[in-house]
Amino acid sequence: MTISDRIRELRRTRGISQEELAAQIGVSRQAVSKWESGQSVPDLDRVIALSDYFDVTTDYLLKGIQPSAPQAGRQAPNASVFAIAGTAFNVIGLAAACGIWYEQQTATAILIGLILMAMGCMIFGIGIVCSAEATRPAANHLFWKVNIWVLAFLPLAVVYNLLTYGIPAPYPLLFRPIFLFFLFWLVYFAICLLARRQLLRSDRTNDE
């Protein structure tokens, strides 16, 4: 792996674009592009600036020499663990709300579901802060890829049922003209697909 490969890998791991890295280092985007394509090599001052920004040694940037073992022993946890745990809480919260409502038809079902889903989001948020920075972009993508669909369902269903039937149910009810039921699913899929599209667009921007 060359210095150009290492710069590109560190930038993508940080989840920033070439333009954002250039702004942090104080060079043009074209300069960063040339570094990553191997057309040029950063001077000593830029190597130091890059090592400070990415929190790696200059030896790693220039020669690929990895940090010493004691540093590796203090490695923070993988953010994907928190993404999976948070997703589990969100799914359980949605399932609990639907199950309790089906049995009891009480607003407590909504409250329990929202509490569990809030805990899931908190687990993910705290995990992102405390985890290894290199694992955060993948974990963030993993979490939102699934939870766009989970987190949007409950509040949208509650609003739909309140507006149509005056009942705060956690899933769409079907009492009146069927077109309202299909309208709910149309709006739900539209919102989730737009959010998913924005997530993919953000990922592509960070890979530039």
N, C-alpha and C. Protein backbone atom coordinates (compact mmCIF):
# COMPACT_ATOMS: atom_id res chain seq x y z
N MET A 1 0.85 -1.20 0.00
CA MET A 1 0.00 0.00 0.00
C MET A 1 0.89 1.25 0.00
N THR A 2 0.61 2.18 -0.90
CA THR A 2 1.40 3.40 -1.03
C THR A 2 0.82 4.50 -0.16
N ILE A 3 1.54 5.63 -0.09
CA ILE A 3 1.04 6.76 0.69
C ILE A 3 -0.27 7.27 0.12
N SER A 4 -0.43 7.20 -1.20
CA SER A 4 -1.70 7.64 -1.81
C SER A 4 -2.85 6.74 -1.36
N ASP A 5 -2.60 5.44 -1.27
CA ASP A 5 -3.63 4.50 -0.80
C ASP A 5 -3.99 4.77 0.65
N ARG A 6 -2.98 5.07 1.47
CA ARG A 6 -3.25 5.30 2.88
C ARG A 6 -4.04 6.59 3.09
N ILE A 7 -3.71 7.63 2.35
CA ILE A 7 -4.46 8.89 2.48
C ILE A 7 -5.92 8.67 2.08
N ARG A 8 -6.12 7.97 0.98
CA ARG A 8 -7.49 7.72 0.51
C ARG A 8 -8.26 6.86 1.52
N GLU A 9 -7.61 5.84 2.06
CA GLU A 9 -8.27 4.96 3.02
C GLU A 9 -8.63 5.72 4.30
N LEU A 10 -7.72 6.54 4.79
CA LEU A 10 -7.99 7.31 6.01
C LEU A 10 -9.12 8.30 5.79
N ARG A 11 -9.15 8.93 4.62
CA ARG A 11 -10.22 9.90 4.35
C ARG A 11 -11.58 9.20 4.30
N ARG A 12 -11.65 8.08 3.61
CA ARG A 12 -12.92 7.37 3.51
C ARG A 12 -13.36 6.81 4.86
N THR A 13 -12.40 6.36 5.64
CA THR A 13 -12.73 5.88 6.98
C THR A 13 -13.30 7.00 7.84
N ARG A 14 -12.76 8.20 7.69
CA ARG A 14 -13.26 9.36 8.43
C ARG A 14 -14.64 9.78 7.90
N GLY A 15 -14.96 9.37 6.67
CA GLY A 15 -16.26 9.69 6.10
C GLY A 15 -16.38 11.10 5.57
N ILE A 16 -15.30 11.64 5.00
CA ILE A 16 -15.31 13.00 4.47
C ILE A 16 -14.93 12.97 3.00
N SER A 17 -15.27 14.04 2.29
CA SER A 17 -14.94 14.15 0.88
C SER A 17 -13.55 14.73 0.71
N GLN A 18 -13.04 14.70 -0.52
CA GLN A 18 -11.74 15.30 -0.82
C GLN A 18 -11.77 16.80 -0.53
N GLU A 19 -12.88 17.43 -0.84
CA GLU A 19 -12.99 18.87 -0.60
C GLU A 19 -12.94 19.20 0.89
N GLU A 20 -13.59 18.38 1.71
CA GLU A 20 -13.58 18.61 3.15
C GLU A 20 -12.18 18.39 3.72
N LEU A 21 -11.48 17.36 3.24
CA LEU A 21 -10.11 17.13 3.71
C LEU A 21 -9.21 18.29 3.31
N ALA A 22 -9.37 18.76 2.08
CA ALA A 22 -8.56 19.89 1.60
C ALA A 22 -8.75 21.12 2.48
N ALA A 23 -9.99 21.37 2.90
CA ALA A 23 -10.26 22.52 3.76
C ALA A 23 -9.59 22.37 5.12
N GLN A 24 -9.55 21.14 5.64
CA GLN A 24 -8.93 20.91 6.94
C GLN A 24 -7.41 21.07 6.88
N ILE A 25 -6.81 20.66 5.77
CA ILE A 25 -5.35 20.69 5.65
C ILE A 25 -4.85 22.02 5.11
N GLY A 26 -5.73 22.76 4.43
CA GLY A 26 -5.32 24.05 3.87
C GLY A 26 -4.74 23.95 2.48
N VAL A 27 -5.27 23.03 1.67
CA VAL A 27 -4.83 22.89 0.28
C VAL A 27 -6.07 22.84 -0.60
N SER A 28 -5.87 22.75 -1.90
CA SER A 28 -6.99 22.66 -2.83
C SER A 28 -7.47 21.21 -2.95
N ARG A 29 -8.71 21.05 -3.43
CA ARG A 29 -9.22 19.71 -3.64
C ARG A 29 -8.41 18.97 -4.70
N GLN A 30 -7.92 19.72 -5.68
CA GLN A 30 -7.10 19.11 -6.73
C GLN A 30 -5.82 18.51 -6.17
N ALA A 31 -5.26 19.18 -5.15
CA ALA A 31 -4.04 18.66 -4.51
C ALA A 31 -4.32 17.32 -3.84
N VAL A 32 -5.45 17.25 -3.12
CA VAL A 32 -5.82 15.99 -2.47
C VAL A 32 -6.05 14.90 -3.51
N SER A 33 -6.71 15.27 -4.60
CA SER A 33 -6.97 14.30 -5.67
C SER A 33 -5.66 13.76 -6.25
N LYS A 34 -4.67 14.64 -6.43
CA LYS A 34 -3.38 14.19 -6.96
C LYS A 34 -2.65 13.30 -5.97
N TRP A 35 -2.77 13.61 -4.67
CA TRP A 35 -2.14 12.75 -3.67
C TRP A 35 -2.73 11.34 -3.75
N GLU A 36 -4.06 11.26 -3.82
CA GLU A 36 -4.72 9.96 -3.78
C GLU A 36 -4.53 9.17 -5.07
N SER A 37 -4.31 9.86 -6.17
CA SER A 37 -4.10 9.17 -7.45
C SER A 37 -2.62 8.86 -7.70
N GLY A 38 -1.74 9.32 -6.80
CA GLY A 38 -0.32 9.06 -6.94
C GLY A 38 0.40 9.99 -7.90
N GLN A 39 -0.27 11.08 -8.32
CA GLN A 39 0.37 12.02 -9.24
C GLN A 39 1.37 12.93 -8.53
N SER A 40 1.17 13.11 -7.22
CA SER A 40 2.10 13.91 -6.44
C SER A 40 2.11 13.40 -5.01
N VAL A 41 3.07 13.88 -4.23
CA VAL A 41 3.20 13.47 -2.83
C VAL A 41 3.18 14.72 -1.96
N PRO A 42 2.46 14.70 -0.83
CA PRO A 42 2.44 15.88 0.04
C PRO A 42 3.81 16.18 0.62
N ASP A 43 4.09 17.48 0.79
CA ASP A 43 5.37 17.84 1.38
C ASP A 43 5.35 17.55 2.88
N LEU A 44 6.47 17.79 3.54
CA LEU A 44 6.60 17.40 4.95
C LEU A 44 5.57 18.09 5.83
N ASP A 45 5.34 19.39 5.59
CA ASP A 45 4.36 20.11 6.41
C ASP A 45 2.97 19.50 6.25
N ARG A 46 2.62 19.11 5.03
CA ARG A 46 1.30 18.53 4.79
C ARG A 46 1.21 17.12 5.39
N VAL A 47 2.31 16.39 5.36
CA VAL A 47 2.31 15.06 5.98
C VAL A 47 2.05 15.18 7.47
N ILE A 48 2.69 16.16 8.10
CA ILE A 48 2.47 16.38 9.54
C ILE A 48 1.02 16.78 9.80
N ALA A 49 0.49 17.67 8.95
CA ALA A 49 -0.90 18.11 9.11
C ALA A 49 -1.86 16.93 8.94
N LEU A 50 -1.58 16.08 7.97
CA LEU A 50 -2.42 14.90 7.75
C LEU A 50 -2.35 13.94 8.92
N SER A 51 -1.16 13.73 9.45
CA SER A 51 -1.01 12.80 10.58
C SER A 51 -1.74 13.33 11.82
N ASP A 52 -1.68 14.65 12.03
CA ASP A 52 -2.41 15.24 13.16
C ASP A 52 -3.91 15.11 12.97
N TYR A 53 -4.37 15.37 11.76
CA TYR A 53 -5.82 15.33 11.50
C TYR A 53 -6.37 13.92 11.63
N PHE A 54 -5.67 12.95 11.08
CA PHE A 54 -6.15 11.57 11.11
C PHE A 54 -5.72 10.82 12.37
N ASP A 55 -4.93 11.50 13.22
CA ASP A 55 -4.47 10.90 14.47
C ASP A 55 -3.67 9.61 14.21
N VAL A 56 -2.76 9.70 13.25
CA VAL A 56 -1.84 8.60 12.97
C VAL A 56 -0.42 9.15 12.98
N THR A 57 0.56 8.28 12.98
CA THR A 57 1.95 8.73 12.97
C THR A 57 2.39 9.06 11.54
N THR A 58 3.42 9.90 11.44
CA THR A 58 3.98 10.20 10.12
C THR A 58 4.62 8.96 9.52
N ASP A 59 5.15 8.08 10.37
CA ASP A 59 5.72 6.83 9.88
C ASP A 59 4.66 5.98 9.19
N TYR A 60 3.44 6.01 9.73
CA TYR A 60 2.38 5.23 9.10
C TYR A 60 2.03 5.82 7.73
N LEU A 61 1.93 7.15 7.66
CA LEU A 61 1.61 7.78 6.38
C LEU A 61 2.68 7.52 5.34
N LEU A 62 3.94 7.70 5.73
CA LEU A 62 5.03 7.61 4.77
C LEU A 62 5.43 6.17 4.45
N LYS A 63 5.45 5.31 5.48
CA LYS A 63 5.99 3.96 5.29
C LYS A 63 5.00 2.84 5.58
N GLY A 64 3.85 3.19 6.14
CA GLY A 64 2.87 2.16 6.47
C GLY A 64 3.17 1.42 7.74
N ILE A 65 4.04 1.98 8.61
CA ILE A 65 4.39 1.33 9.87
C ILE A 65 3.24 1.50 10.85
N GLN A 66 2.71 0.40 11.34
CA GLN A 66 1.56 0.43 12.23
C GLN A 66 1.95 0.91 13.63
N PRO A 67 0.96 1.42 14.41
CA PRO A 67 1.24 1.84 15.79
C PRO A 67 1.72 0.67 16.64
N SER A 68 2.33 0.97 17.75
CA SER A 68 2.84 -0.07 18.65
C SER A 68 1.70 -0.83 19.30
N ALA A 69 2.01 -2.00 19.83
CA ALA A 69 1.01 -2.88 20.43
C ALA A 69 0.24 -2.25 21.57
N PRO A 70 0.87 -1.47 22.49
CA PRO A 70 0.10 -0.88 23.59
C PRO A 70 -1.04 -0.01 23.10
N GLN A 71 -0.85 0.73 22.00
CA GLN A 71 -1.93 1.55 21.48
C GLN A 71 -3.07 0.69 20.98
N ALA A 72 -2.72 -0.43 20.33
CA ALA A 72 -3.76 -1.31 19.82
C ALA A 72 -4.57 -1.92 20.95
N GLY A 73 -3.93 -2.13 22.12
CA GLY A 73 -4.63 -2.72 23.24
C GLY A 73 -5.70 -1.82 23.83
N ARG A 74 -5.61 -0.52 23.56
CA ARG A 74 -6.61 0.41 24.09
C ARG A 74 -7.67 0.75 23.04
N GLN A 75 -7.81 -0.09 22.05
CA GLN A 75 -8.74 0.18 20.96
C GLN A 75 -10.18 0.24 21.47
N ALA A 76 -10.92 1.23 20.99
CA ALA A 76 -12.32 1.40 21.37
C ALA A 76 -13.18 0.33 20.70
N PRO A 77 -14.38 0.08 21.22
CA PRO A 77 -15.24 -0.97 20.65
C PRO A 77 -15.74 -0.61 19.25
N ASN A 78 -16.20 -1.62 18.55
CA ASN A 78 -16.73 -1.44 17.20
C ASN A 78 -18.12 -0.82 17.27
N ALA A 79 -18.34 0.24 16.50
CA ALA A 79 -19.63 0.95 16.53
C ALA A 79 -20.77 0.09 16.01
N SER A 80 -20.47 -0.90 15.19
CA SER A 80 -21.52 -1.75 14.63
C SER A 80 -22.25 -2.54 15.71
N VAL A 81 -21.56 -2.84 16.82
CA VAL A 81 -22.21 -3.53 17.94
C VAL A 81 -23.36 -2.69 18.48
N PHE A 82 -23.12 -1.39 18.63
CA PHE A 82 -24.15 -0.50 19.14
C PHE A 82 -25.26 -0.28 18.11
N ALA A 83 -24.89 -0.28 16.84
CA ALA A 83 -25.90 -0.14 15.78
C ALA A 83 -26.86 -1.32 15.80
N ILE A 84 -26.32 -2.52 15.99
CA ILE A 84 -27.15 -3.73 16.03
C ILE A 84 -28.02 -3.73 17.29
N ALA A 85 -27.43 -3.36 18.44
CA ALA A 85 -28.19 -3.33 19.69
C ALA A 85 -29.30 -2.29 19.62
N GLY A 86 -28.99 -1.11 19.09
CA GLY A 86 -30.01 -0.08 18.96
C GLY A 86 -31.13 -0.50 18.03
N THR A 87 -30.78 -1.16 16.94
CA THR A 87 -31.79 -1.65 16.00
C THR A 87 -32.69 -2.68 16.66
N ALA A 88 -32.10 -3.56 17.47
CA ALA A 88 -32.89 -4.57 18.17
C ALA A 88 -33.92 -3.93 19.09
N PHE A 89 -33.51 -2.90 19.84
CA PHE A 89 -34.44 -2.20 20.72
C PHE A 89 -35.56 -1.54 19.92
N ASN A 90 -35.22 -0.96 18.78
CA ASN A 90 -36.24 -0.29 17.97
C ASN A 90 -37.26 -1.28 17.42
N VAL A 91 -36.77 -2.42 16.94
CA VAL A 91 -37.68 -3.44 16.41
C VAL A 91 -38.56 -4.01 17.52
N ILE A 92 -37.95 -4.27 18.68
CA ILE A 92 -38.72 -4.78 19.82
C ILE A 92 -39.76 -3.75 20.25
N GLY A 93 -39.39 -2.47 20.25
CA GLY A 93 -40.33 -1.42 20.62
C GLY A 93 -41.53 -1.38 19.69
N LEU A 94 -41.28 -1.46 18.40
CA LEU A 94 -42.38 -1.46 17.43
C LEU A 94 -43.26 -2.69 17.59
N ALA A 95 -42.62 -3.85 17.75
CA ALA A 95 -43.38 -5.09 17.92
C ALA A 95 -44.20 -5.07 19.21
N ALA A 96 -43.61 -4.54 20.29
CA ALA A 96 -44.32 -4.46 21.56
C ALA A 96 -45.53 -3.55 21.46
N ALA A 97 -45.36 -2.41 20.81
CA ALA A 97 -46.48 -1.47 20.66
C ALA A 97 -47.62 -2.12 19.89
N CYS A 98 -47.30 -2.79 18.80
CA CYS A 98 -48.34 -3.44 17.99
C CYS A 98 -49.00 -4.59 18.75
N GLY A 99 -48.19 -5.39 19.46
CA GLY A 99 -48.74 -6.53 20.18
C GLY A 99 -49.63 -6.12 21.34
N ILE A 100 -49.18 -5.13 22.12
CA ILE A 100 -49.98 -4.68 23.26
C ILE A 100 -51.27 -4.02 22.79
N TRP A 101 -51.17 -3.23 21.72
CA TRP A 101 -52.38 -2.59 21.20
C TRP A 101 -53.39 -3.64 20.69
N TYR A 102 -52.89 -4.66 20.04
CA TYR A 102 -53.77 -5.70 19.52
C TYR A 102 -54.54 -6.39 20.64
N GLU A 103 -53.88 -6.56 21.80
CA GLU A 103 -54.51 -7.25 22.92
C GLU A 103 -55.37 -6.32 23.78
N GLN A 104 -54.94 -5.06 23.97
CA GLN A 104 -55.58 -4.20 24.96
C GLN A 104 -56.19 -2.92 24.40
N GLN A 105 -55.79 -2.50 23.20
CA GLN A 105 -56.27 -1.24 22.60
C GLN A 105 -56.13 -0.07 23.58
N THR A 106 -54.95 0.12 24.10
CA THR A 106 -54.69 1.20 25.05
C THR A 106 -53.50 2.03 24.59
N ALA A 107 -53.54 3.33 24.93
CA ALA A 107 -52.45 4.23 24.54
C ALA A 107 -51.13 3.86 25.21
N THR A 108 -51.20 3.05 26.27
CA THR A 108 -49.97 2.59 26.92
C THR A 108 -49.08 1.84 25.94
N ALA A 109 -49.69 1.19 24.98
CA ALA A 109 -48.91 0.46 23.98
C ALA A 109 -48.00 1.40 23.21
N ILE A 110 -48.53 2.57 22.85
CA ILE A 110 -47.73 3.56 22.13
C ILE A 110 -46.58 4.04 23.00
N LEU A 111 -46.88 4.32 24.27
CA LEU A 111 -45.86 4.82 25.20
C LEU A 111 -44.73 3.82 25.38
N ILE A 112 -45.08 2.56 25.57
CA ILE A 112 -44.06 1.52 25.74
C ILE A 112 -43.19 1.41 24.49
N GLY A 113 -43.83 1.42 23.34
CA GLY A 113 -43.08 1.33 22.09
C GLY A 113 -42.13 2.49 21.91
N LEU A 114 -42.60 3.71 22.20
CA LEU A 114 -41.76 4.90 22.04
C LEU A 114 -40.59 4.89 23.02
N ILE A 115 -40.83 4.42 24.24
CA ILE A 115 -39.75 4.36 25.24
C ILE A 115 -38.65 3.40 24.77
N LEU A 116 -39.05 2.22 24.31
CA LEU A 116 -38.06 1.24 23.84
C LEU A 116 -37.30 1.76 22.61
N MET A 117 -38.00 2.43 21.72
CA MET A 117 -37.35 2.95 20.52
C MET A 117 -36.42 4.12 20.87
N ALA A 118 -36.82 4.93 21.85
CA ALA A 118 -35.94 6.00 22.31
C ALA A 118 -34.67 5.42 22.92
N MET A 119 -34.81 4.33 23.68
CA MET A 119 -33.64 3.66 24.25
C MET A 119 -32.74 3.12 23.14
N GLY A 120 -33.34 2.58 22.09
CA GLY A 120 -32.55 2.08 20.97
C GLY A 120 -31.73 3.17 20.31
N CYS A 121 -32.35 4.32 20.11
CA CYS A 121 -31.63 5.45 19.50
C CYS A 121 -30.54 5.97 20.43
N MET A 122 -30.80 5.96 21.75
CA MET A 122 -29.79 6.40 22.71
C MET A 122 -28.60 5.45 22.72
N ILE A 123 -28.86 4.16 22.66
CA ILE A 123 -27.77 3.17 22.62
C ILE A 123 -26.89 3.42 21.41
N PHE A 124 -27.53 3.64 20.26
CA PHE A 124 -26.77 3.90 19.04
C PHE A 124 -25.98 5.20 19.15
N GLY A 125 -26.62 6.26 19.64
CA GLY A 125 -25.95 7.55 19.75
C GLY A 125 -24.76 7.52 20.68
N ILE A 126 -24.93 6.91 21.86
CA ILE A 126 -23.83 6.80 22.82
C ILE A 126 -22.72 5.92 22.25
N GLY A 127 -23.11 4.84 21.57
CA GLY A 127 -22.12 3.95 20.98
C GLY A 127 -21.27 4.62 19.92
N ILE A 128 -21.90 5.47 19.11
CA ILE A 128 -21.16 6.19 18.07
C ILE A 128 -20.10 7.09 18.70
N VAL A 129 -20.44 7.73 19.80
CA VAL A 129 -19.50 8.63 20.47
C VAL A 129 -18.35 7.86 21.11
N CYS A 130 -18.65 6.70 21.71
CA CYS A 130 -17.65 5.96 22.48
C CYS A 130 -16.86 4.94 21.66
N SER A 131 -17.27 4.67 20.45
CA SER A 131 -16.65 3.60 19.67
C SER A 131 -15.46 4.09 18.87
N ALA A 132 -14.76 3.15 18.25
CA ALA A 132 -13.61 3.48 17.41
C ALA A 132 -14.07 4.29 16.20
N GLU A 133 -13.39 5.39 15.96
CA GLU A 133 -13.82 6.30 14.90
C GLU A 133 -13.83 5.64 13.53
N ALA A 134 -12.90 4.74 13.29
CA ALA A 134 -12.81 4.08 11.99
C ALA A 134 -14.03 3.22 11.69
N THR A 135 -14.75 2.78 12.74
CA THR A 135 -15.91 1.90 12.53
C THR A 135 -17.22 2.67 12.45
N ARG A 136 -17.20 3.97 12.65
CA ARG A 136 -18.44 4.74 12.73
C ARG A 136 -19.19 4.87 11.41
N PRO A 137 -18.52 5.17 10.28
CA PRO A 137 -19.28 5.31 9.03
C PRO A 137 -20.07 4.06 8.66
N ALA A 138 -19.45 2.89 8.77
CA ALA A 138 -20.15 1.65 8.42
C ALA A 138 -21.31 1.39 9.38
N ALA A 139 -21.10 1.68 10.67
CA ALA A 139 -22.16 1.47 11.66
C ALA A 139 -23.32 2.44 11.42
N ASN A 140 -23.00 3.67 11.10
CA ASN A 140 -24.03 4.66 10.83
C ASN A 140 -24.89 4.24 9.64
N HIS A 141 -24.22 3.75 8.59
CA HIS A 141 -24.95 3.28 7.41
C HIS A 141 -25.82 2.07 7.76
N LEU A 142 -25.26 1.13 8.52
CA LEU A 142 -26.00 -0.07 8.91
C LEU A 142 -27.24 0.29 9.71
N PHE A 143 -27.10 1.21 10.67
CA PHE A 143 -28.22 1.58 11.54
C PHE A 143 -29.35 2.21 10.75
N TRP A 144 -29.02 3.22 9.95
CA TRP A 144 -30.07 3.96 9.26
C TRP A 144 -30.66 3.18 8.09
N LYS A 145 -29.90 2.27 7.51
CA LYS A 145 -30.42 1.46 6.41
C LYS A 145 -31.65 0.67 6.86
N VAL A 146 -31.65 0.22 8.11
CA VAL A 146 -32.77 -0.54 8.65
C VAL A 146 -33.77 0.36 9.37
N ASN A 147 -33.27 1.27 10.18
CA ASN A 147 -34.14 2.03 11.07
C ASN A 147 -34.90 3.16 10.41
N ILE A 148 -34.53 3.53 9.19
CA ILE A 148 -35.38 4.44 8.43
C ILE A 148 -36.80 3.87 8.37
N TRP A 149 -36.89 2.56 8.12
CA TRP A 149 -38.19 1.91 7.98
C TRP A 149 -38.86 1.68 9.34
N VAL A 150 -38.07 1.38 10.35
CA VAL A 150 -38.64 1.08 11.67
C VAL A 150 -39.13 2.34 12.38
N LEU A 151 -38.29 3.37 12.41
CA LEU A 151 -38.61 4.56 13.18
C LEU A 151 -39.73 5.38 12.54
N ALA A 152 -39.87 5.31 11.23
CA ALA A 152 -40.91 6.10 10.57
C ALA A 152 -42.30 5.47 10.73
N PHE A 153 -42.37 4.17 10.95
CA PHE A 153 -43.65 3.48 10.92
C PHE A 153 -44.58 3.88 12.06
N LEU A 154 -44.09 3.83 13.30
CA LEU A 154 -44.95 4.07 14.46
C LEU A 154 -45.55 5.48 14.48
N PRO A 155 -44.74 6.55 14.40
CA PRO A 155 -45.34 7.89 14.43
C PRO A 155 -46.26 8.15 13.25
N LEU A 156 -45.91 7.63 12.07
CA LEU A 156 -46.77 7.84 10.91
C LEU A 156 -48.11 7.11 11.07
N ALA A 157 -48.06 5.90 11.63
CA ALA A 157 -49.30 5.15 11.86
C ALA A 157 -50.18 5.84 12.89
N VAL A 158 -49.58 6.37 13.95
CA VAL A 158 -50.35 7.07 14.98
C VAL A 158 -51.04 8.30 14.39
N VAL A 159 -50.30 9.08 13.61
CA VAL A 159 -50.88 10.27 12.99
C VAL A 159 -52.00 9.88 12.03
N TYR A 160 -51.77 8.86 11.23
CA TYR A 160 -52.79 8.39 10.28
C TYR A 160 -54.07 7.99 11.00
N ASN A 161 -53.95 7.20 12.05
CA ASN A 161 -55.13 6.72 12.77
C ASN A 161 -55.85 7.83 13.52
N LEU A 162 -55.09 8.78 14.06
CA LEU A 162 -55.72 9.91 14.75
C LEU A 162 -56.52 10.77 13.78
N LEU A 163 -55.96 11.00 12.60
CA LEU A 163 -56.63 11.84 11.61
C LEU A 163 -57.84 11.16 10.99
N THR A 164 -57.77 9.86 10.81
CA THR A 164 -58.87 9.16 10.12
C THR A 164 -59.92 8.59 11.08
N TYR A 165 -59.49 8.07 12.23
CA TYR A 165 -60.42 7.41 13.14
C TYR A 165 -60.43 7.98 14.55
N GLY A 166 -59.49 8.88 14.85
CA GLY A 166 -59.40 9.42 16.21
C GLY A 166 -58.86 8.43 17.21
N ILE A 167 -58.13 7.42 16.73
CA ILE A 167 -57.59 6.37 17.59
C ILE A 167 -56.07 6.32 17.42
N PRO A 168 -55.28 6.39 18.50
CA PRO A 168 -53.81 6.38 18.38
C PRO A 168 -53.23 4.98 18.27
N ALA A 169 -53.57 4.26 17.23
CA ALA A 169 -53.06 2.89 17.07
C ALA A 169 -51.66 2.90 16.45
N PRO A 170 -50.83 1.90 16.78
CA PRO A 170 -49.44 1.87 16.29
C PRO A 170 -49.28 1.25 14.90
N TYR A 171 -50.36 0.82 14.30
CA TYR A 171 -50.31 0.31 12.93
C TYR A 171 -51.59 0.76 12.21
N PRO A 172 -51.57 0.87 10.90
CA PRO A 172 -52.73 1.42 10.18
C PRO A 172 -53.96 0.53 10.29
N LEU A 173 -55.07 1.13 10.73
CA LEU A 173 -56.33 0.41 10.86
C LEU A 173 -57.12 0.51 9.55
N LEU A 174 -58.00 -0.44 9.35
CA LEU A 174 -58.79 -0.48 8.12
C LEU A 174 -60.27 -0.58 8.48
N PHE A 175 -60.91 0.58 8.69
CA PHE A 175 -62.33 0.63 9.01
C PHE A 175 -63.14 1.31 7.91
N ARG A 176 -62.54 2.31 7.30
CA ARG A 176 -63.27 3.16 6.36
C ARG A 176 -62.81 2.90 4.93
N PRO A 177 -63.09 3.77 3.97
CA PRO A 177 -62.70 3.52 2.58
C PRO A 177 -61.26 3.03 2.45
N ILE A 178 -61.08 1.99 1.67
CA ILE A 178 -59.79 1.32 1.61
C ILE A 178 -58.70 2.20 1.02
N PHE A 179 -59.09 3.25 0.27
CA PHE A 179 -58.06 4.09 -0.35
C PHE A 179 -57.23 4.81 0.71
N LEU A 180 -57.83 5.08 1.90
CA LEU A 180 -57.06 5.72 2.97
C LEU A 180 -55.96 4.78 3.47
N PHE A 181 -56.27 3.50 3.53
CA PHE A 181 -55.28 2.51 3.95
C PHE A 181 -54.11 2.47 2.96
N PHE A 182 -54.44 2.45 1.68
CA PHE A 182 -53.39 2.44 0.67
C PHE A 182 -52.62 3.76 0.64
N LEU A 183 -53.31 4.86 0.98
CA LEU A 183 -52.64 6.15 1.04
C LEU A 183 -51.57 6.16 2.12
N PHE A 184 -51.87 5.52 3.26
CA PHE A 184 -50.87 5.43 4.33
C PHE A 184 -49.61 4.75 3.83
N TRP A 185 -49.78 3.60 3.17
CA TRP A 185 -48.60 2.86 2.69
C TRP A 185 -47.85 3.62 1.61
N LEU A 186 -48.58 4.35 0.79
CA LEU A 186 -47.93 5.15 -0.24
C LEU A 186 -47.05 6.23 0.39
N VAL A 187 -47.59 6.93 1.38
CA VAL A 187 -46.83 7.98 2.06
C VAL A 187 -45.65 7.37 2.82
N TYR A 188 -45.88 6.25 3.49
CA TYR A 188 -44.82 5.59 4.26
C TYR A 188 -43.65 5.20 3.37
N PHE A 189 -43.95 4.52 2.28
CA PHE A 189 -42.87 4.10 1.38
C PHE A 189 -42.19 5.29 0.72
N ALA A 190 -42.95 6.33 0.40
CA ALA A 190 -42.35 7.52 -0.21
C ALA A 190 -41.35 8.17 0.74
N ILE A 191 -41.74 8.33 2.01
CA ILE A 191 -40.85 8.94 3.00
C ILE A 191 -39.59 8.10 3.19
N CYS A 192 -39.76 6.80 3.35
CA CYS A 192 -38.61 5.92 3.61
C CYS A 192 -37.68 5.84 2.40
N LEU A 193 -38.25 5.78 1.21
CA LEU A 193 -37.41 5.69 0.02
C LEU A 193 -36.65 6.98 -0.23
N LEU A 194 -37.28 8.12 0.06
CA LEU A 194 -36.59 9.40 -0.08
C LEU A 194 -35.44 9.50 0.92
N ALA A 195 -35.70 9.06 2.16
CA ALA A 195 -34.65 9.07 3.18
C ALA A 195 -33.52 8.11 2.80
N ARG A 196 -33.88 6.96 2.26
CA ARG A 196 -32.88 5.98 1.82
C ARG A 196 -32.04 6.55 0.68
N ARG A 197 -32.69 7.25 -0.23
CA ARG A 197 -31.97 7.86 -1.35
C ARG A 197 -30.97 8.90 -0.85
N GLN A 198 -31.40 9.70 0.13
CA GLN A 198 -30.51 10.71 0.69
C GLN A 198 -29.31 10.06 1.39
N LEU A 199 -29.54 8.93 2.06
CA LEU A 199 -28.46 8.21 2.73
C LEU A 199 -27.44 7.71 1.71
N LEU A 200 -27.92 7.15 0.61
CA LEU A 200 -27.01 6.66 -0.43
C LEU A 200 -26.25 7.80 -1.08
N ARG A 201 -26.93 8.93 -1.27
CA ARG A 201 -26.26 10.09 -1.86
C ARG A 201 -25.16 10.59 -0.95
N SER A 202 -25.41 10.59 0.35
CA SER A 202 -24.40 11.02 1.31
C SER A 202 -23.20 10.08 1.29
N ASP A 203 -23.46 8.77 1.16
CA ASP A 203 -22.36 7.79 1.09
C ASP A 203 -21.51 8.02 -0.15
N ARG A 204 -22.15 8.30 -1.27
CA ARG A 204 -21.40 8.53 -2.51
C ARG A 204 -20.56 9.79 -2.41
N THR A 205 -21.09 10.82 -1.75
CA THR A 205 -20.34 12.07 -1.57
C THR A 205 -19.08 11.83 -0.75
N ASN A 206 -19.20 11.01 0.30
CA ASN A 206 -18.05 10.73 1.16
C ASN A 206 -17.00 9.88 0.45
N ASP A 207 -17.41 9.13 -0.58
CA ASP A 207 -16.47 8.29 -1.32
C ASP A 207 -15.72 9.04 -2.40
N GLU A 208 -16.15 10.27 -2.69
CA GLU A 208 -15.48 11.05 -3.73
C GLU A 208 -14.07 11.46 -3.31
